[in-house]
Protein backbone atom coordinates (compact mmCIF):
# COMPACT_ATOMS: atom_id res chain seq x y z
CA UNK A 1 111.03 122.60 116.10
CA UNK A 2 108.82 119.33 116.24
CA UNK A 3 107.28 117.84 119.03
CA UNK A 4 107.35 113.67 118.71
CA UNK A 5 103.81 112.13 119.05
CA UNK A 6 103.12 109.81 121.99
CA UNK A 7 104.85 107.77 123.01
CA UNK A 8 108.13 108.67 121.52
CA UNK A 9 108.00 112.16 123.40
CA UNK A 10 108.51 110.40 126.78
CA UNK A 11 111.94 108.94 125.84
CA UNK A 12 114.68 109.76 128.35
CA UNK A 13 117.92 111.20 126.74
CA UNK A 14 119.81 107.88 128.12
CA UNK A 15 117.42 105.67 126.13
CA UNK A 16 118.06 108.17 122.51
CA UNK A 17 121.72 107.41 123.29
CA UNK A 18 121.52 104.01 123.61
CA UNK A 19 119.14 103.50 120.74
CA UNK A 20 121.68 104.90 118.34
CA UNK A 21 123.86 102.13 119.14
CA UNK A 22 121.11 99.97 118.83
CA UNK A 23 120.49 100.79 115.73
CA UNK A 24 123.94 100.86 114.49
CA UNK A 25 123.69 96.78 115.49
CA UNK A 26 120.49 96.74 113.63
CA UNK A 27 122.48 97.56 110.37
CA UNK A 28 125.92 96.18 110.88
CA UNK A 29 124.79 92.73 112.20
CA UNK A 30 122.26 92.43 109.25
CA UNK A 31 124.67 93.15 106.57
CA UNK A 32 127.40 91.28 108.11
CA UNK A 33 125.08 88.63 108.47
CA UNK A 34 123.94 88.63 104.90
CA UNK A 35 127.88 88.90 103.79
CA UNK A 36 128.57 85.92 106.16
CA UNK A 37 126.07 83.82 104.64
CA UNK A 38 126.75 84.61 101.23
CA UNK A 39 130.11 86.03 99.89
CA UNK A 40 131.95 84.45 102.71
CA UNK A 41 129.82 81.41 102.97
CA UNK A 42 127.65 79.61 100.63
CA UNK A 43 129.07 81.15 97.41
CA UNK A 44 132.61 80.83 98.77
CA UNK A 45 131.84 77.05 99.71
CA UNK A 46 130.47 76.66 95.88
CA UNK A 47 133.55 77.73 94.83
CA UNK A 48 136.10 75.55 96.94
CA UNK A 49 133.86 72.47 95.95
CA UNK A 50 134.43 72.81 92.30
CA UNK A 51 138.37 73.42 92.73
CA UNK A 52 138.34 70.32 95.44
CA UNK A 53 136.54 68.43 92.59
CA UNK A 54 139.02 69.62 89.75
CA UNK A 55 141.74 68.62 92.21
CA UNK A 56 140.72 65.39 92.78
CA UNK A 57 141.03 64.25 89.00
CA UNK A 58 144.68 65.04 89.25
CA UNK A 59 147.55 62.76 90.20
CA UNK A 60 149.33 64.02 93.58
CA UNK A 61 152.52 63.15 95.22
CA UNK A 62 154.19 65.71 96.61
CA UNK A 63 153.94 67.74 99.88
CA UNK A 64 153.09 71.04 98.25
CA UNK A 65 150.21 68.99 96.77
CA UNK A 66 149.00 67.96 100.37
CA UNK A 67 149.58 71.37 101.58
CA UNK A 68 147.24 72.90 98.79
CA UNK A 69 144.39 70.10 99.16
CA UNK A 70 144.59 70.44 103.13
CA UNK A 71 144.16 74.21 102.80
CA UNK A 72 141.08 73.80 100.29
CA UNK A 73 139.75 71.46 102.93
CA UNK A 74 140.20 73.59 105.70
CA UNK A 75 138.44 76.64 104.03
CA UNK A 76 135.62 74.52 102.94
CA UNK A 77 134.98 73.53 106.40
CA UNK A 78 135.78 77.38 107.69
CA UNK A 79 132.78 78.42 104.74
CA UNK A 80 130.42 75.89 105.94
CA UNK A 81 130.78 77.54 109.46
CA UNK A 82 130.67 81.18 108.40
CA UNK A 83 127.45 80.34 106.44
CA UNK A 84 125.66 79.28 109.44
CA UNK A 85 127.09 81.61 111.96
CA UNK A 86 126.08 84.33 109.49
CA UNK A 87 122.26 83.04 109.96
CA UNK A 88 122.67 83.49 113.56
CA UNK A 89 124.20 87.17 113.18
CA UNK A 90 121.57 88.13 110.86
CA UNK A 91 118.90 86.75 113.29
CA UNK A 92 120.48 88.87 116.10
CA UNK A 93 120.79 91.74 113.72
CA UNK A 94 117.10 92.00 112.88
CA UNK A 95 116.09 91.34 116.46
CA UNK A 96 117.78 94.83 117.30
CA UNK A 97 114.72 96.55 115.23
CA UNK A 98 112.65 95.88 118.07
CA UNK A 99 115.28 96.60 120.81
CA UNK A 100 115.66 100.12 119.05
CA UNK A 101 111.88 100.69 119.11
CA UNK A 102 111.92 99.32 122.62
CA UNK A 103 114.08 102.31 123.67
CA UNK A 104 111.50 104.88 122.09
CA UNK A 105 108.64 103.13 123.90
CA UNK A 106 107.15 101.90 120.65
CA UNK A 107 106.82 98.53 122.06
CA UNK A 108 104.09 100.03 124.42
CA UNK A 109 101.71 100.57 121.66
CA UNK A 110 100.61 97.92 119.06
CA UNK A 111 102.70 99.35 116.23
CA UNK A 112 104.91 96.70 115.47
CA UNK A 113 103.54 93.94 117.58
CA UNK A 114 103.81 95.37 120.80
CA UNK A 115 105.78 93.83 124.04
CA UNK A 116 104.89 90.33 122.71
CA UNK A 117 107.11 90.79 119.35
CA UNK A 118 109.75 92.44 121.78
CA UNK A 119 109.93 89.17 123.83
CA UNK A 120 109.89 86.80 120.60
CA UNK A 121 112.49 89.00 119.10
CA UNK A 122 114.50 88.63 122.30
CA UNK A 123 113.98 85.06 122.12
CA UNK A 124 115.22 84.48 118.72
CA UNK A 125 118.47 86.63 119.79
CA UNK A 126 118.76 84.46 122.78
CA UNK A 127 118.99 81.13 120.66
CA UNK A 128 121.27 82.51 118.05
CA UNK A 129 123.51 83.88 120.68
CA UNK A 130 123.89 80.59 122.48
CA UNK A 131 125.36 79.49 118.84
CA UNK A 132 127.96 82.37 119.05
CA UNK A 133 129.03 81.95 122.49
CA UNK A 134 129.81 78.22 121.67
CA UNK A 135 132.11 79.37 118.89
CA UNK A 136 133.72 81.92 121.14
CA UNK A 137 134.79 79.31 123.61
CA UNK A 138 135.77 77.15 120.83
CA UNK A 139 137.97 79.99 119.05
CA UNK A 140 139.56 81.12 122.22
CA UNK A 141 140.77 77.53 123.28
CA UNK A 142 141.96 77.04 119.39
CA UNK A 143 143.79 80.18 119.49
CA UNK A 144 145.79 79.19 123.08
CA UNK A 145 146.55 75.81 121.20
CA UNK A 146 147.77 77.57 117.89
CA UNK A 147 150.08 79.92 120.31
CA UNK A 148 151.63 76.81 121.82
CA UNK A 149 152.50 75.12 118.39
CA UNK A 150 153.93 78.12 117.04
CA UNK A 151 156.12 78.81 120.28
CA UNK A 152 157.00 74.94 120.06
CA UNK A 153 157.75 75.22 116.04
CA UNK A 154 159.62 78.11 116.63
CA UNK A 155 161.94 76.58 119.10
CA UNK A 156 162.39 73.40 116.82
CA UNK A 157 163.53 75.59 114.01
CA UNK A 158 166.13 77.30 116.26
CA UNK A 159 167.71 74.41 117.34
CA UNK A 160 167.48 72.25 114.44
CA UNK A 161 168.21 74.76 112.02
CA UNK A 162 165.14 73.39 109.81
CA UNK A 163 161.70 71.95 109.53
CA UNK A 164 162.62 68.73 110.47
CA UNK A 165 162.12 67.30 114.13
CA UNK A 166 164.62 64.69 116.02
CA UNK A 167 163.04 61.58 114.34
CA UNK A 168 163.49 63.23 111.02
CA UNK A 169 159.64 64.17 110.45
CA UNK A 170 159.08 67.22 108.59
CA UNK A 171 156.77 69.48 110.44
CA UNK A 172 155.14 71.35 107.30
CA UNK A 173 151.62 71.47 107.01
CA UNK A 174 149.14 73.58 105.61
CA UNK A 175 149.03 75.43 108.75
CA UNK A 176 152.53 75.42 109.58
CA UNK A 177 153.43 76.45 106.17
CA UNK A 178 151.34 79.41 106.27
CA UNK A 179 153.16 80.38 109.85
CA UNK A 180 156.66 80.12 108.50
CA UNK A 181 156.21 81.55 104.55
CA UNK A 182 157.40 85.60 104.94
CA UNK A 183 154.26 87.87 105.03
CA UNK A 184 152.06 84.72 105.55
CA UNK A 185 150.14 82.80 103.22
CA UNK A 186 146.41 83.76 101.81
CA UNK A 187 145.71 82.13 98.81
CA UNK A 188 142.76 83.05 96.49
CA UNK A 189 140.45 80.78 97.82
CA UNK A 190 140.21 82.17 101.30
CA UNK A 191 138.89 85.27 100.15
CA UNK A 192 135.03 86.17 99.78
CA UNK A 193 133.37 85.69 96.25
CA UNK A 194 130.47 86.88 94.29
CA UNK A 195 127.72 84.71 93.25
CA UNK A 196 129.28 83.83 90.24
CA UNK A 197 132.80 82.79 89.19
CA UNK A 198 134.77 81.86 85.91
CA UNK A 199 135.72 78.22 86.41
CA UNK A 200 138.73 78.34 83.69
CA UNK A 201 140.14 81.58 85.55
CA UNK A 202 139.79 79.68 88.88
CA UNK A 203 141.65 76.61 87.26
CA UNK A 204 144.45 78.87 86.26
CA UNK A 205 144.49 80.39 89.51
CA UNK A 206 144.66 77.30 91.15
CA UNK A 207 147.48 76.04 88.98
CA UNK A 208 149.59 79.04 89.39
CA UNK A 209 149.49 79.00 93.23
CA UNK A 210 150.14 75.38 93.45
CA UNK A 211 153.12 75.67 91.34
CA UNK A 212 153.91 78.93 93.77
CA UNK A 213 153.72 76.44 97.04
CA UNK A 214 156.04 73.84 95.24
CA UNK A 215 158.63 76.24 94.58
CA UNK A 216 158.44 77.99 98.19
CA UNK A 217 158.13 74.34 99.85
CA UNK A 218 161.57 73.22 98.03
CA UNK A 219 163.28 76.42 99.07
CA UNK A 220 162.05 76.16 102.77
CA UNK A 221 163.38 72.48 102.90
CA UNK A 222 166.55 72.88 101.03
CA UNK A 223 167.48 76.68 102.28
CA UNK A 224 168.43 77.49 105.47
CA UNK A 225 168.61 81.12 104.91
CA UNK A 226 164.55 81.04 103.95
CA UNK A 227 163.99 80.15 107.57
CA UNK A 228 166.57 82.78 109.07
CA UNK A 229 163.87 85.16 110.39
CA UNK A 230 161.02 82.44 110.85
CA UNK A 231 161.68 81.76 114.95
CA UNK A 232 161.19 85.47 115.64
CA UNK A 233 158.03 85.65 113.12
CA UNK A 234 156.48 82.63 114.62
CA UNK A 235 157.12 83.79 118.16
CA UNK A 236 155.37 87.21 117.51
CA UNK A 237 152.85 85.50 115.95
CA UNK A 238 152.39 82.82 118.97
CA UNK A 239 152.26 86.10 121.21
CA UNK A 240 149.36 87.42 118.76
CA UNK A 241 147.37 84.27 119.10
CA UNK A 242 147.67 83.72 122.78
CA UNK A 243 146.27 87.45 123.27
CA UNK A 244 143.64 86.91 120.77
CA UNK A 245 142.59 83.60 122.43
CA UNK A 246 142.30 85.65 125.59
CA UNK A 247 140.30 88.51 123.75
CA UNK A 248 138.09 85.65 122.54
CA UNK A 249 137.48 84.62 126.48
CA UNK A 250 136.83 88.20 127.03
CA UNK A 251 134.15 88.38 124.27
CA UNK A 252 132.63 85.36 125.74
CA UNK A 253 132.31 86.80 129.03
CA UNK A 254 130.59 90.05 127.54
CA UNK A 255 128.21 88.27 125.59
CA UNK A 256 127.27 85.70 128.43
CA UNK A 257 126.35 88.64 130.63
CA UNK A 258 124.28 90.21 128.07
CA UNK A 259 122.63 86.79 127.02
CA UNK A 260 121.53 86.38 130.77
CA UNK A 261 120.36 90.03 130.86
CA UNK A 262 118.21 89.85 128.18
CA UNK A 263 116.97 86.21 129.16
CA UNK A 264 115.77 88.01 132.43
CA UNK A 265 113.56 90.03 130.08
CA UNK A 266 112.16 87.13 128.63
CA UNK A 267 111.57 85.48 131.62
CA UNK A 268 109.91 88.54 133.49
CA UNK A 269 107.56 88.64 130.88
CA UNK A 270 106.13 85.19 131.17
CA UNK A 271 106.55 85.20 135.18
CA UNK A 272 105.51 88.60 136.12
CA UNK A 273 103.70 87.96 139.29
CA UNK A 274 106.09 87.76 142.22
CA UNK A 275 103.66 85.93 144.57
CA UNK A 276 102.86 82.89 142.52
CA UNK A 277 106.18 82.30 140.67
CA UNK A 278 107.89 79.10 141.32
CA UNK A 279 111.09 79.61 143.74
CA UNK A 280 113.65 78.49 141.25
CA UNK A 281 112.38 81.58 139.11
CA UNK A 282 112.83 83.89 141.95
CA UNK A 283 116.46 82.64 142.24
CA UNK A 284 117.12 83.31 138.60
CA UNK A 285 115.69 86.72 139.16
CA UNK A 286 118.18 87.03 141.86
CA UNK A 287 115.55 87.64 144.53
CA UNK A 288 114.71 91.04 142.56
CA UNK A 289 111.03 91.61 141.76
CA UNK A 290 110.00 91.61 138.25
CA UNK A 291 110.07 95.19 137.63
CA UNK A 292 113.71 95.52 138.97
CA UNK A 293 114.91 92.27 137.37
CA UNK A 294 113.74 93.30 133.98
CA UNK A 295 115.28 96.85 134.35
CA UNK A 296 118.65 95.53 135.28
CA UNK A 297 118.87 92.66 132.95
CA UNK A 298 118.11 94.98 130.15
CA UNK A 299 120.62 97.32 131.29
CA UNK A 300 123.45 94.56 131.79
CA UNK A 301 122.40 93.66 128.22
CA UNK A 302 122.68 97.07 126.69
CA UNK A 303 125.86 97.94 128.90
CA UNK A 304 128.18 94.81 127.54
CA UNK A 305 126.90 95.42 123.87
CA UNK A 306 128.32 98.93 124.26
CA UNK A 307 131.49 98.06 125.74
CA UNK A 308 131.84 95.00 122.97
CA UNK A 309 132.17 97.16 120.03
CA UNK A 310 134.75 99.44 121.87
CA UNK A 311 136.84 96.39 122.28
CA UNK A 312 136.57 95.23 118.89
CA UNK A 313 137.68 98.76 117.76
CA UNK A 314 140.35 99.35 120.36
CA UNK A 315 142.16 96.23 120.86
CA UNK A 316 143.88 95.72 117.55
CA UNK A 317 145.71 99.00 117.99
CA UNK A 318 146.61 98.04 121.66
CA UNK A 319 148.25 94.51 120.64
CA UNK A 320 149.70 95.88 117.64
CA UNK A 321 151.47 98.28 119.91
CA UNK A 322 152.49 95.76 122.49
CA UNK A 323 153.26 92.91 120.56
CA UNK A 324 157.14 91.99 120.88
CA UNK A 325 159.27 93.74 118.51
CA UNK A 326 161.91 92.52 115.94
CA UNK A 327 165.34 92.52 117.70
CA UNK A 328 167.66 95.45 116.48
CA UNK A 329 170.60 94.27 114.22
CA UNK A 330 174.22 94.21 115.88
CA UNK A 331 176.62 96.67 114.41
CA UNK A 332 179.46 95.17 113.33
């Protein structure tokens, strides 16, 4: 049995419970941010740039070459974005150090900068969260658009029996190739990577992947049997993309509430006098006195960021259970 020193011994059980999730967010977001910045960001970008540079020295005239090049460009943009997102995720993770300390009343002392340090951490977190909110909206919108494109492609294959539209145009790009290939397409340049890679080995893998894509493209364009199950797979993928888009909107709402909740904490710190504060500041506090606005805002942020991990963990299980099932084969 051990008595905690002041002010740690004044921490209520609810705050102790919340601090466990905050500490988990501190560790997980910091590590995730580092991984996004490095192995899935900067290091991956360096690898893809080298592959693209090597590809630019070769003569390319086939559809399969266009698909490989488009995939490389797509992953290059994704790696640059991931590195930027990683910076913001890391900043949010580090900020949770002060939130965890605040749950244990540490910020009421001068041990780690006091209340001012907590407010600065919240401000950094708010700025980083704005970036993530933008990408949540962007991903949600792109998910719904992707769902519609998949459904349209499934209808086109079912009606034409192939990958050609009525005007004769072939609807095969880096995206659509990934959709129609059985079990999907995930080339090695989509994977995370270490700080160093073997360029010779990468070129061997690139040539092998390009040859494989060439063979698969020829089969898709010449053999209708290779597309026999494609419409159903596309419809299932379309449903999943739509649900994942809706889930991104849910993430946006949860994080928007958390953003405004923690924003109230910053607002109450700089405008703590209810008598002299400007009229619009009082409206931003929903007419609450500073103490109540600060408490409710902090509670809203903590509550939303307690729900979000549950959604992240449970939603894949629910979606996988609810997704459309393959039609049963007819008995002869």
